[in-house]
Amino acid sequence: MWGGRPALSRRIASAEPEVSMRDRPGHGAYSAGMTSTPPIAEIAALVGNPARANVLTALLDGRALTATELAYAAHVSPQTTSGHLARLVEARLLVAEKQGRHCYFRLASPLIGQMLEGIMAVAADGPPRHQPRWRGGEVLRTARTCYDHLAGRLGVALADALASRRQIVLTADGGQVTDRGARFLGEFGIDLAALGLRRRAFCRPCLDWSERRTHLAGSVGAALASRCFELGWIERQRDTRAVAILPAGRQGFAEMFGIAPFDAG
C-alpha cells in the first residue's frame, strides 16, 4: 500500500501599525497559562479581513501573482494591498519571490490552501449571510482547482471513481493508494515513487465546500491534476479558479475513469 499522513520574512511594507503580543491587554495571563496554545486568534484575524481573504482566495489555484494583480483581487488600493501582503508574509501564510523587477506572492504551503477550503466548507453550512458567494456560477462548481488539485464535481467524481475501484482508500484524516491503484496511476503516467519523496501529505481527502463531499488532495491529487493538464484534458480559465473540460478530457475521463461528461457551460 502507498500511504501517507499530512506533513507541515521579512517585512515588505506596512499600512497598519503592529502591536506586539506582549503589549496586548491580558497577554501576560494568557502566556502564563496557555503557552502551548497555537495563536488561532491571530491567524483568524488575518484571514478574516475581507481584503486579505480576497488575496488568499485569489491564490487558491496554486499560482503566484504580483502585488498589482492581488490589489485588483482585493478591491483595495496598491498601497493598502502592500500592507496586507506584508502581514500575510510575516505570518507565513504567503511567501514572496523576486523575479527581475517583479515580486510574486503565493500561498506558503498546501496546508494554507487546506485551511482556506476548510473555512469555506464551514461557511457553506453556516447562516445564509455567511455562506460563500458564487463567483463563477456552474462553471466554477463543475471543475476548479483547489490549490494544486482538482475540486468541484470533477474532483469529487475522480475521487469516487478511484475509491469505487479500490484504487485508493480514503479515511477521515488520510488516504492510501492500493497496489491496484499504483498500477493504474503508473499506466496513467504518474510516478508514485517520486511523489513519496516529497515533504507533504502523500494522499488525503479534502472536503469540497461546494459539493460537501471529498475530493483527492496531497501529492497524488496534485499529480493527477497536473497529468490532466499535460494531456490537454482540462485548461485554466482566466481570472478564475475554474478549469474548462476540453473535448479530449470528456472522452478521456469517460474511458479512463468511467466519468460521464460534465456540462461545464
C-alpha atoms as a PDB file:
ATOM      1  CA  MET A   1       0.000   0.000   0.000  1.00  0.00           C
ATOM      2  CA  TRP A   2       1.127   3.519  -0.743  1.00  0.00           C
ATOM      3  CA  GLY A   3       0.082   5.796   2.091  1.00  0.00           C
ATOM      4  CA  GLY A   4       0.913   8.945   3.953  1.00  0.00           C
ATOM      5  CA  ARG A   5      -0.161  11.407   6.579  1.00  0.00           C
ATOM      6  CA  PRO A   6      -0.060  15.197   6.353  1.00  0.00           C
ATOM      7  CA  ALA A   7       3.404  16.667   6.982  1.00  0.00           C
ATOM      8  CA  LEU A   8       3.551  20.524   7.888  1.00  0.00           C
ATOM      9  CA  SER A   9      10.389  37.223   6.312  1.00  0.00           C
ATOM     10  CA  ARG A  10      10.907  39.799   6.199  1.00  0.00           C
ATOM     11  CA  ARG A  11       8.554  42.795   6.177  1.00  0.00           C
ATOM     12  CA  ILE A  12       7.824  44.414   2.797  1.00  0.00           C
ATOM     13  CA  ALA A  13       5.758  47.432   3.762  1.00  0.00           C
ATOM     14  CA  SER A  14       3.090  48.162   6.310  1.00  0.00           C
ATOM     15  CA  ALA A  15      -0.115  50.123   6.087  1.00  0.00           C
ATOM     16  CA  GLU A  16      -1.154  49.130   9.619  1.00  0.00           C
ATOM     17  CA  PRO A  17       0.691  49.661  12.920  1.00  0.00           C
ATOM     18  CA  GLU A  18       1.963  46.495  14.531  1.00  0.00           C
ATOM     19  CA  VAL A  19       1.175  45.712  18.143  1.00  0.00           C
ATOM     20  CA  SER A  20       3.469  43.332  19.946  1.00  0.00           C
ATOM     21  CA  MET A  21       1.770  40.382  21.601  1.00  0.00           C
ATOM     22  CA  ARG A  22       3.420  41.260  24.898  1.00  0.00           C
ATOM     23  CA  ASP A  23       1.849  44.732  24.742  1.00  0.00           C
ATOM     24  CA  ARG A  24      -1.674  43.440  24.256  1.00  0.00           C
ATOM     25  CA  PRO A  25      -4.087  43.508  27.209  1.00  0.00           C
ATOM     26  CA  GLY A  26      -4.227  40.239  29.093  1.00  0.00           C
ATOM     27  CA  HIS A  27      -1.312  38.738  27.230  1.00  0.00           C
ATOM     28  CA  GLY A  28       0.617  38.068  30.423  1.00  0.00           C
ATOM     29  CA  ALA A  29      -2.110  35.872  31.847  1.00  0.00           C
ATOM     30  CA  TYR A  30      -2.539  34.184  28.505  1.00  0.00           C
ATOM     31  CA  SER A  31       1.130  33.348  28.093  1.00  0.00           C
ATOM     32  CA  ALA A  32       1.473  32.164  31.672  1.00  0.00           C
ATOM     33  CA  GLY A  33      -1.290  29.581  31.433  1.00  0.00           C
ATOM     34  CA  MET A  34      -1.560  28.800  27.715  1.00  0.00           C
ATOM     35  CA  THR A  35       1.962  28.938  26.319  1.00  0.00           C
ATOM     36  CA  SER A  36       1.429  25.809  24.226  1.00  0.00           C
ATOM     37  CA  THR A  37      -1.797  27.038  22.578  1.00  0.00           C
ATOM     38  CA  PRO A  38      -1.422  27.913  18.862  1.00  0.00           C
ATOM     39  CA  PRO A  39      -2.165  31.577  18.006  1.00  0.00           C
ATOM     40  CA  ILE A  40      -5.526  30.731  16.437  1.00  0.00           C
ATOM     41  CA  ALA A  41      -6.966  34.200  17.064  1.00  0.00           C
ATOM     42  CA  GLU A  42      -4.086  35.895  15.221  1.00  0.00           C
ATOM     43  CA  ILE A  43      -4.429  33.695  12.133  1.00  0.00           C
ATOM     44  CA  ALA A  44      -8.208  34.020  12.190  1.00  0.00           C
ATOM     45  CA  ALA A  45      -7.930  37.818  12.372  1.00  0.00           C
ATOM     46  CA  LEU A  46      -5.569  37.874   9.400  1.00  0.00           C
ATOM     47  CA  VAL A  47      -7.780  35.630   7.271  1.00  0.00           C
ATOM     48  CA  GLY A  48     -10.978  37.333   8.435  1.00  0.00           C
ATOM     49  CA  ASN A  49     -10.147  40.718   6.943  1.00  0.00           C
ATOM     50  CA  PRO A  50     -12.160  40.982   3.669  1.00  0.00           C
ATOM     51  CA  ALA A  51      -9.275  42.323   1.579  1.00  0.00           C
ATOM     52  CA  ARG A  52      -6.842  39.714   2.870  1.00  0.00           C
ATOM     53  CA  ALA A  53      -9.457  36.982   2.395  1.00  0.00           C
ATOM     54  CA  ASN A  54      -9.787  38.078  -1.245  1.00  0.00           C
ATOM     55  CA  VAL A  55      -5.999  37.939  -1.655  1.00  0.00           C
ATOM     56  CA  LEU A  56      -5.779  34.438  -0.198  1.00  0.00           C
ATOM     57  CA  THR A  57      -8.713  33.198  -2.268  1.00  0.00           C
ATOM     58  CA  ALA A  58      -7.139  34.587  -5.449  1.00  0.00           C
ATOM     59  CA  LEU A  59      -4.077  32.427  -4.741  1.00  0.00           C
ATOM     60  CA  LEU A  60      -6.024  29.245  -4.044  1.00  0.00           C
ATOM     61  CA  ASP A  61      -5.279  27.886  -7.509  1.00  0.00           C
ATOM     62  CA  GLY A  62      -1.626  27.472  -6.522  1.00  0.00           C
ATOM     63  CA  ARG A  63      -0.237  30.105  -8.876  1.00  0.00           C
ATOM     64  CA  ALA A  64       1.850  33.138  -7.924  1.00  0.00           C
ATOM     65  CA  LEU A  65       0.548  36.654  -8.586  1.00  0.00           C
ATOM     66  CA  THR A  66       2.043  40.145  -8.404  1.00  0.00           C
ATOM     67  CA  ALA A  67       1.015  42.801  -5.897  1.00  0.00           C
ATOM     68  CA  THR A  68      -0.787  44.668  -8.680  1.00  0.00           C
ATOM     69  CA  GLU A  69      -2.849  41.610  -9.589  1.00  0.00           C
ATOM     70  CA  LEU A  70      -3.645  40.984  -5.945  1.00  0.00           C
ATOM     71  CA  ALA A  71      -4.694  44.612  -5.407  1.00  0.00           C
ATOM     72  CA  TYR A  72      -7.262  44.094  -8.143  1.00  0.00           C
ATOM     73  CA  ALA A  73      -8.467  40.895  -6.479  1.00  0.00           C
ATOM     74  CA  ALA A  74      -8.583  42.543  -3.043  1.00  0.00           C
ATOM     75  CA  HIS A  75     -10.576  45.554  -4.293  1.00  0.00           C
ATOM     76  CA  VAL A  76      -8.313  47.975  -2.415  1.00  0.00           C
ATOM     77  CA  SER A  77      -5.523  50.360  -3.381  1.00  0.00           C
ATOM     78  CA  PRO A  78      -1.994  49.112  -4.158  1.00  0.00           C
ATOM     79  CA  GLN A  79      -0.702  50.901  -1.041  1.00  0.00           C
ATOM     80  CA  THR A  80      -3.207  49.149   1.202  1.00  0.00           C
ATOM     81  CA  THR A  81      -2.536  45.836  -0.520  1.00  0.00           C
ATOM     82  CA  SER A  82       1.181  46.252   0.188  1.00  0.00           C
ATOM     83  CA  GLY A  83       0.457  46.400   3.897  1.00  0.00           C
ATOM     84  CA  HIS A  84      -1.812  43.377   3.770  1.00  0.00           C
ATOM     85  CA  LEU A  85       0.785  41.370   1.851  1.00  0.00           C
ATOM     86  CA  ALA A  86       3.446  42.273   4.378  1.00  0.00           C
ATOM     87  CA  ARG A  87       1.340  40.966   7.241  1.00  0.00           C
ATOM     88  CA  LEU A  88       0.493  37.751   5.398  1.00  0.00           C
ATOM     89  CA  VAL A  89       4.150  37.128   4.568  1.00  0.00           C
ATOM     90  CA  GLU A  90       5.190  37.856   8.142  1.00  0.00           C
ATOM     91  CA  ALA A  91       2.617  35.343   9.405  1.00  0.00           C
ATOM     92  CA  ARG A  92       3.949  32.792   6.879  1.00  0.00           C
ATOM     93  CA  LEU A  93       0.622  32.478   5.116  1.00  0.00           C
ATOM     94  CA  LEU A  94       2.270  33.765   1.926  1.00  0.00           C
ATOM     95  CA  VAL A  95       5.766  33.674   0.527  1.00  0.00           C
ATOM     96  CA  ALA A  96       7.258  36.355  -1.725  1.00  0.00           C
ATOM     97  CA  GLU A  97       9.577  35.526  -4.619  1.00  0.00           C
ATOM     98  CA  LYS A  98      11.538  38.137  -6.547  1.00  0.00           C
ATOM     99  CA  GLN A  99      11.912  37.642 -10.304  1.00  0.00           C
ATOM    100  CA  GLY A 100      13.549  40.504 -12.136  1.00  0.00           C
ATOM    101  CA  ARG A 101      11.662  43.703 -11.389  1.00  0.00           C
ATOM    102  CA  HIS A 102       8.595  41.889 -10.133  1.00  0.00           C
ATOM    103  CA  CYS A 103       7.739  40.293  -6.811  1.00  0.00           C
ATOM    104  CA  TYR A 104       5.337  37.376  -6.874  1.00  0.00           C
ATOM    105  CA  PHE A 105       3.260  36.047  -3.997  1.00  0.00           C
ATOM    106  CA  ARG A 106       1.861  32.571  -3.451  1.00  0.00           C
ATOM    107  CA  LEU A 107       0.420  30.524  -0.618  1.00  0.00           C
ATOM    108  CA  ALA A 108       3.185  29.378   1.697  1.00  0.00           C
ATOM    109  CA  SER A 109       2.184  25.697   1.591  1.00  0.00           C
ATOM    110  CA  PRO A 110      -0.629  23.282   0.710  1.00  0.00           C
ATOM    111  CA  LEU A 111      -1.603  23.464   4.389  1.00  0.00           C
ATOM    112  CA  ILE A 112      -2.734  27.072   3.884  1.00  0.00           C
ATOM    113  CA  GLY A 113      -4.940  26.044   0.979  1.00  0.00           C
ATOM    114  CA  GLN A 114      -6.378  23.230   3.081  1.00  0.00           C
ATOM    115  CA  MET A 115      -7.166  25.695   5.873  1.00  0.00           C
ATOM    116  CA  LEU A 116      -8.927  28.099   3.495  1.00  0.00           C
ATOM    117  CA  GLU A 117     -11.000  25.348   1.894  1.00  0.00           C
ATOM    118  CA  GLY A 118     -11.948  24.155   5.382  1.00  0.00           C
ATOM    119  CA  ILE A 119     -13.147  27.628   6.357  1.00  0.00           C
ATOM    120  CA  MET A 120     -15.171  27.856   3.150  1.00  0.00           C
ATOM    121  CA  ALA A 121     -16.748  24.465   3.857  1.00  0.00           C
ATOM    122  CA  VAL A 122     -17.728  25.595   7.367  1.00  0.00           C
ATOM    123  CA  ALA A 123     -19.114  28.867   5.986  1.00  0.00           C
ATOM    124  CA  ALA A 124     -21.163  26.968   3.403  1.00  0.00           C
ATOM    125  CA  ASP A 125     -23.015  25.228   6.236  1.00  0.00           C
ATOM    126  CA  GLY A 126     -23.456  28.411   8.257  1.00  0.00           C
ATOM    127  CA  PRO A 127     -26.201  31.062   8.273  1.00  0.00           C
ATOM    128  CA  PRO A 128     -27.065  32.433   4.794  1.00  0.00           C
ATOM    129  CA  ARG A 129     -25.260  35.720   5.456  1.00  0.00           C
ATOM    130  CA  HIS A 130     -22.007  33.810   5.996  1.00  0.00           C
ATOM    131  CA  GLN A 131     -22.309  31.430   3.073  1.00  0.00           C
ATOM    132  CA  PRO A 132     -19.721  31.896   0.277  1.00  0.00           C
ATOM    133  CA  ARG A 133     -20.975  33.693  -2.802  1.00  0.00           C
ATOM    134  CA  TRP A 134     -20.525  32.067  -6.180  1.00  0.00           C
ATOM    135  CA  ARG A 135     -18.176  33.985  -8.467  1.00  0.00           C
ATOM    136  CA  GLY A 136     -18.042  31.538 -11.331  1.00  0.00           C
ATOM    137  CA  GLY A 137     -21.518  30.074 -11.478  1.00  0.00           C
ATOM    138  CA  GLU A 138     -21.900  26.489 -12.598  1.00  0.00           C
ATOM    139  CA  VAL A 139     -18.565  26.596 -14.419  1.00  0.00           C
ATOM    140  CA  LEU A 140     -16.727  27.068 -11.121  1.00  0.00           C
ATOM    141  CA  ARG A 141     -18.805  24.398  -9.439  1.00  0.00           C
ATOM    142  CA  THR A 142     -18.236  21.899 -12.239  1.00  0.00           C
ATOM    143  CA  ALA A 143     -14.429  21.955 -12.203  1.00  0.00           C
ATOM    144  CA  ARG A 144     -11.908  24.154 -10.432  1.00  0.00           C
ATOM    145  CA  THR A 145      -8.519  23.993  -8.768  1.00  0.00           C
ATOM    146  CA  CYS A 146      -8.167  23.730  -5.002  1.00  0.00           C
ATOM    147  CA  TYR A 147      -4.556  24.883  -4.543  1.00  0.00           C
ATOM    148  CA  ASP A 148      -2.854  22.337  -6.834  1.00  0.00           C
ATOM    149  CA  HIS A 149      -5.503  19.611  -7.117  1.00  0.00           C
ATOM    150  CA  LEU A 150      -8.937  19.322  -8.720  1.00  0.00           C
ATOM    151  CA  ALA A 151     -12.185  20.184  -6.963  1.00  0.00           C
ATOM    152  CA  GLY A 152     -15.844  20.662  -7.789  1.00  0.00           C
ATOM    153  CA  ARG A 153     -17.941  17.982  -9.446  1.00  0.00           C
ATOM    154  CA  LEU A 154     -14.963  16.752 -11.465  1.00  0.00           C
ATOM    155  CA  GLY A 155     -12.677  16.442  -8.437  1.00  0.00           C
ATOM    156  CA  VAL A 156     -15.307  14.571  -6.433  1.00  0.00           C
ATOM    157  CA  ALA A 157     -16.088  12.276  -9.377  1.00  0.00           C
ATOM    158  CA  LEU A 158     -12.408  11.371  -9.784  1.00  0.00           C
ATOM    159  CA  ALA A 159     -12.090  10.525  -6.088  1.00  0.00           C
ATOM    160  CA  ASP A 160     -15.283   8.455  -6.242  1.00  0.00           C
ATOM    161  CA  ALA A 161     -14.074   6.573  -9.321  1.00  0.00           C
ATOM    162  CA  LEU A 162     -10.718   5.684  -7.781  1.00  0.00           C
ATOM    163  CA  ALA A 163     -12.308   4.691  -4.475  1.00  0.00           C
ATOM    164  CA  SER A 164     -15.056   2.553  -6.060  1.00  0.00           C
ATOM    165  CA  ARG A 165     -12.401   0.575  -7.945  1.00  0.00           C
ATOM    166  CA  ARG A 166     -10.391   0.143  -4.721  1.00  0.00           C
ATOM    167  CA  GLN A 167      -7.504   2.018  -6.275  1.00  0.00           C
ATOM    168  CA  ILE A 168      -7.430   4.407  -3.341  1.00  0.00           C
ATOM    169  CA  VAL A 169      -8.751   4.152   0.193  1.00  0.00           C
ATOM    170  CA  LEU A 170      -9.741   7.419   1.873  1.00  0.00           C
ATOM    171  CA  THR A 171     -10.479   7.824   5.566  1.00  0.00           C
ATOM    172  CA  ALA A 172     -11.476  10.896   7.552  1.00  0.00           C
ATOM    173  CA  ASP A 173      -7.882  12.056   8.019  1.00  0.00           C
ATOM    174  CA  GLY A 174      -5.728  10.255   5.484  1.00  0.00           C
ATOM    175  CA  GLY A 175      -5.558   8.015   2.479  1.00  0.00           C
ATOM    176  CA  GLN A 176      -3.706   5.209   0.743  1.00  0.00           C
ATOM    177  CA  VAL A 177      -3.089   4.094  -2.802  1.00  0.00           C
ATOM    178  CA  THR A 178      -3.575   0.355  -3.174  1.00  0.00           C
ATOM    179  CA  ASP A 179      -1.360  -1.893  -5.284  1.00  0.00           C
ATOM    180  CA  ARG A 180      -4.117  -1.905  -7.885  1.00  0.00           C
ATOM    181  CA  GLY A 181      -4.182   1.878  -7.782  1.00  0.00           C
ATOM    182  CA  ALA A 182      -0.413   2.106  -8.090  1.00  0.00           C
ATOM    183  CA  ARG A 183      -0.537   0.084 -11.302  1.00  0.00           C
ATOM    184  CA  PHE A 184      -3.384   2.186 -12.708  1.00  0.00           C
ATOM    185  CA  LEU A 185      -1.759   5.525 -11.859  1.00  0.00           C
ATOM    186  CA  GLY A 186       1.551   4.302 -13.252  1.00  0.00           C
ATOM    187  CA  GLU A 187      -0.148   3.475 -16.539  1.00  0.00           C
ATOM    188  CA  PHE A 188      -1.734   6.924 -16.426  1.00  0.00           C
ATOM    189  CA  GLY A 189       1.745   8.461 -16.264  1.00  0.00           C
ATOM    190  CA  ILE A 190       2.145   9.222 -12.551  1.00  0.00           C
ATOM    191  CA  ASP A 191       5.384   8.196 -10.800  1.00  0.00           C
ATOM    192  CA  LEU A 192       4.288   7.308  -7.261  1.00  0.00           C
ATOM    193  CA  ALA A 193       7.838   6.571  -6.115  1.00  0.00           C
ATOM    194  CA  ALA A 194       8.856  10.150  -6.887  1.00  0.00           C
ATOM    195  CA  LEU A 195       5.788  11.517  -5.123  1.00  0.00           C
ATOM    196  CA  GLY A 196       6.687   9.618  -1.968  1.00  0.00           C
ATOM    197  CA  LEU A 197       9.896  11.640  -1.653  1.00  0.00           C
ATOM    198  CA  ARG A 198       8.073  14.968  -1.340  1.00  0.00           C
ATOM    199  CA  ARG A 199       7.672  16.658   2.032  1.00  0.00           C
ATOM    200  CA  ARG A 200       3.881  16.812   2.057  1.00  0.00           C
ATOM    201  CA  ALA A 201       0.866  14.596   2.513  1.00  0.00           C
ATOM    202  CA  PHE A 202       1.006  11.719   0.040  1.00  0.00           C
ATOM    203  CA  CYS A 203      -2.710  11.013  -0.316  1.00  0.00           C
ATOM    204  CA  ARG A 204      -5.519  12.587   1.665  1.00  0.00           C
ATOM    205  CA  PRO A 205      -9.160  13.634   1.347  1.00  0.00           C
ATOM    206  CA  CYS A 206     -10.103  17.311   1.094  1.00  0.00           C
ATOM    207  CA  LEU A 207     -13.654  18.430   1.860  1.00  0.00           C
ATOM    208  CA  ASP A 208     -15.169  20.070  -1.211  1.00  0.00           C
ATOM    209  CA  TRP A 209     -17.057  23.116   0.010  1.00  0.00           C
ATOM    210  CA  SER A 210     -19.480  23.265  -2.929  1.00  0.00           C
ATOM    211  CA  GLU A 211     -20.249  19.540  -3.151  1.00  0.00           C
ATOM    212  CA  ARG A 212     -19.998  18.812   0.614  1.00  0.00           C
ATOM    213  CA  ARG A 213     -18.057  15.658  -0.207  1.00  0.00           C
ATOM    214  CA  THR A 214     -14.382  14.833  -0.529  1.00  0.00           C
ATOM    215  CA  HIS A 215     -12.032  15.153  -3.459  1.00  0.00           C
ATOM    216  CA  LEU A 216      -8.456  13.897  -3.673  1.00  0.00           C
ATOM    217  CA  ALA A 217      -5.612  16.057  -2.365  1.00  0.00           C
ATOM    218  CA  GLY A 218      -1.990  15.578  -1.331  1.00  0.00           C
ATOM    219  CA  SER A 219       0.815  14.676  -3.718  1.00  0.00           C
ATOM    220  CA  VAL A 220      -1.362  12.142  -5.530  1.00  0.00           C
ATOM    221  CA  GLY A 221      -4.182  14.651  -6.066  1.00  0.00           C
ATOM    222  CA  ALA A 222      -1.708  17.256  -7.323  1.00  0.00           C
ATOM    223  CA  ALA A 223      -0.077  14.767  -9.705  1.00  0.00           C
ATOM    224  CA  LEU A 224      -3.459  13.698 -11.035  1.00  0.00           C
ATOM    225  CA  ALA A 225      -4.415  17.302 -11.792  1.00  0.00           C
ATOM    226  CA  SER A 226      -1.027  18.017 -13.359  1.00  0.00           C
ATOM    227  CA  ARG A 227      -1.341  14.971 -15.612  1.00  0.00           C
ATOM    228  CA  CYS A 228      -4.809  16.058 -16.781  1.00  0.00           C
ATOM    229  CA  PHE A 229      -3.390  19.467 -17.720  1.00  0.00           C
ATOM    230  CA  GLU A 230      -0.478  17.798 -19.553  1.00  0.00           C
ATOM    231  CA  LEU A 231      -2.832  15.571 -21.552  1.00  0.00           C
ATOM    232  CA  GLY A 232      -4.889  18.562 -22.651  1.00  0.00           C
ATOM    233  CA  TRP A 233      -7.971  17.250 -20.883  1.00  0.00           C
ATOM    234  CA  ILE A 234      -8.520  20.485 -18.957  1.00  0.00           C
ATOM    235  CA  GLU A 235      -7.260  24.055 -19.144  1.00  0.00           C
ATOM    236  CA  ARG A 236      -7.232  27.028 -16.801  1.00  0.00           C
ATOM    237  CA  GLN A 237      -9.634  29.889 -17.349  1.00  0.00           C
ATOM    238  CA  ARG A 238      -8.545  33.488 -16.992  1.00  0.00           C
ATOM    239  CA  ASP A 239      -9.093  35.317 -13.686  1.00  0.00           C
ATOM    240  CA  THR A 240     -10.827  32.383 -12.007  1.00  0.00           C
ATOM    241  CA  ARG A 241     -10.084  29.053 -10.373  1.00  0.00           C
ATOM    242  CA  ALA A 242     -12.482  27.370 -12.790  1.00  0.00           C
ATOM    243  CA  VAL A 243     -10.998  24.971 -15.337  1.00  0.00           C
ATOM    244  CA  ALA A 244     -12.566  24.074 -18.663  1.00  0.00           C
ATOM    245  CA  ILE A 245     -13.048  20.407 -19.569  1.00  0.00           C
ATOM    246  CA  LEU A 246     -11.904  20.067 -23.171  1.00  0.00           C
ATOM    247  CA  PRO A 247     -13.250  17.552 -25.729  1.00  0.00           C
ATOM    248  CA  ALA A 248     -10.231  15.292 -25.166  1.00  0.00           C
ATOM    249  CA  GLY A 249     -10.977  15.404 -21.453  1.00  0.00           C
ATOM    250  CA  ARG A 250     -14.607  14.457 -21.879  1.00  0.00           C
ATOM    251  CA  GLN A 251     -13.507  11.385 -23.784  1.00  0.00           C
ATOM    252  CA  GLY A 252     -10.555  10.631 -21.513  1.00  0.00           C
ATOM    253  CA  PHE A 253     -12.455  10.935 -18.245  1.00  0.00           C
ATOM    254  CA  ALA A 254     -15.161   8.660 -19.625  1.00  0.00           C
ATOM    255  CA  GLU A 255     -12.767   5.996 -20.926  1.00  0.00           C
ATOM    256  CA  MET A 256     -10.180   6.004 -18.115  1.00  0.00           C
ATOM    257  CA  PHE A 257     -12.348   6.782 -15.083  1.00  0.00           C
ATOM    258  CA  GLY A 258     -15.877   5.962 -16.200  1.00  0.00           C
ATOM    259  CA  ILE A 259     -16.986   9.533 -15.558  1.00  0.00           C
ATOM    260  CA  ALA A 260     -19.912  10.789 -17.617  1.00  0.00           C
ATOM    261  CA  PRO A 261     -19.326  14.053 -19.477  1.00  0.00           C
ATOM    262  CA  PHE A 262     -19.980  17.211 -17.479  1.00  0.00           C
ATOM    263  CA  ASP A 263     -21.867  20.227 -18.718  1.00  0.00           C
ATOM    264  CA  ALA A 264     -19.308  22.885 -17.849  1.00  0.00           C
ATOM    265  CA  GLY A 265     -21.173  25.662 -19.601  1.00  0.00           C
END
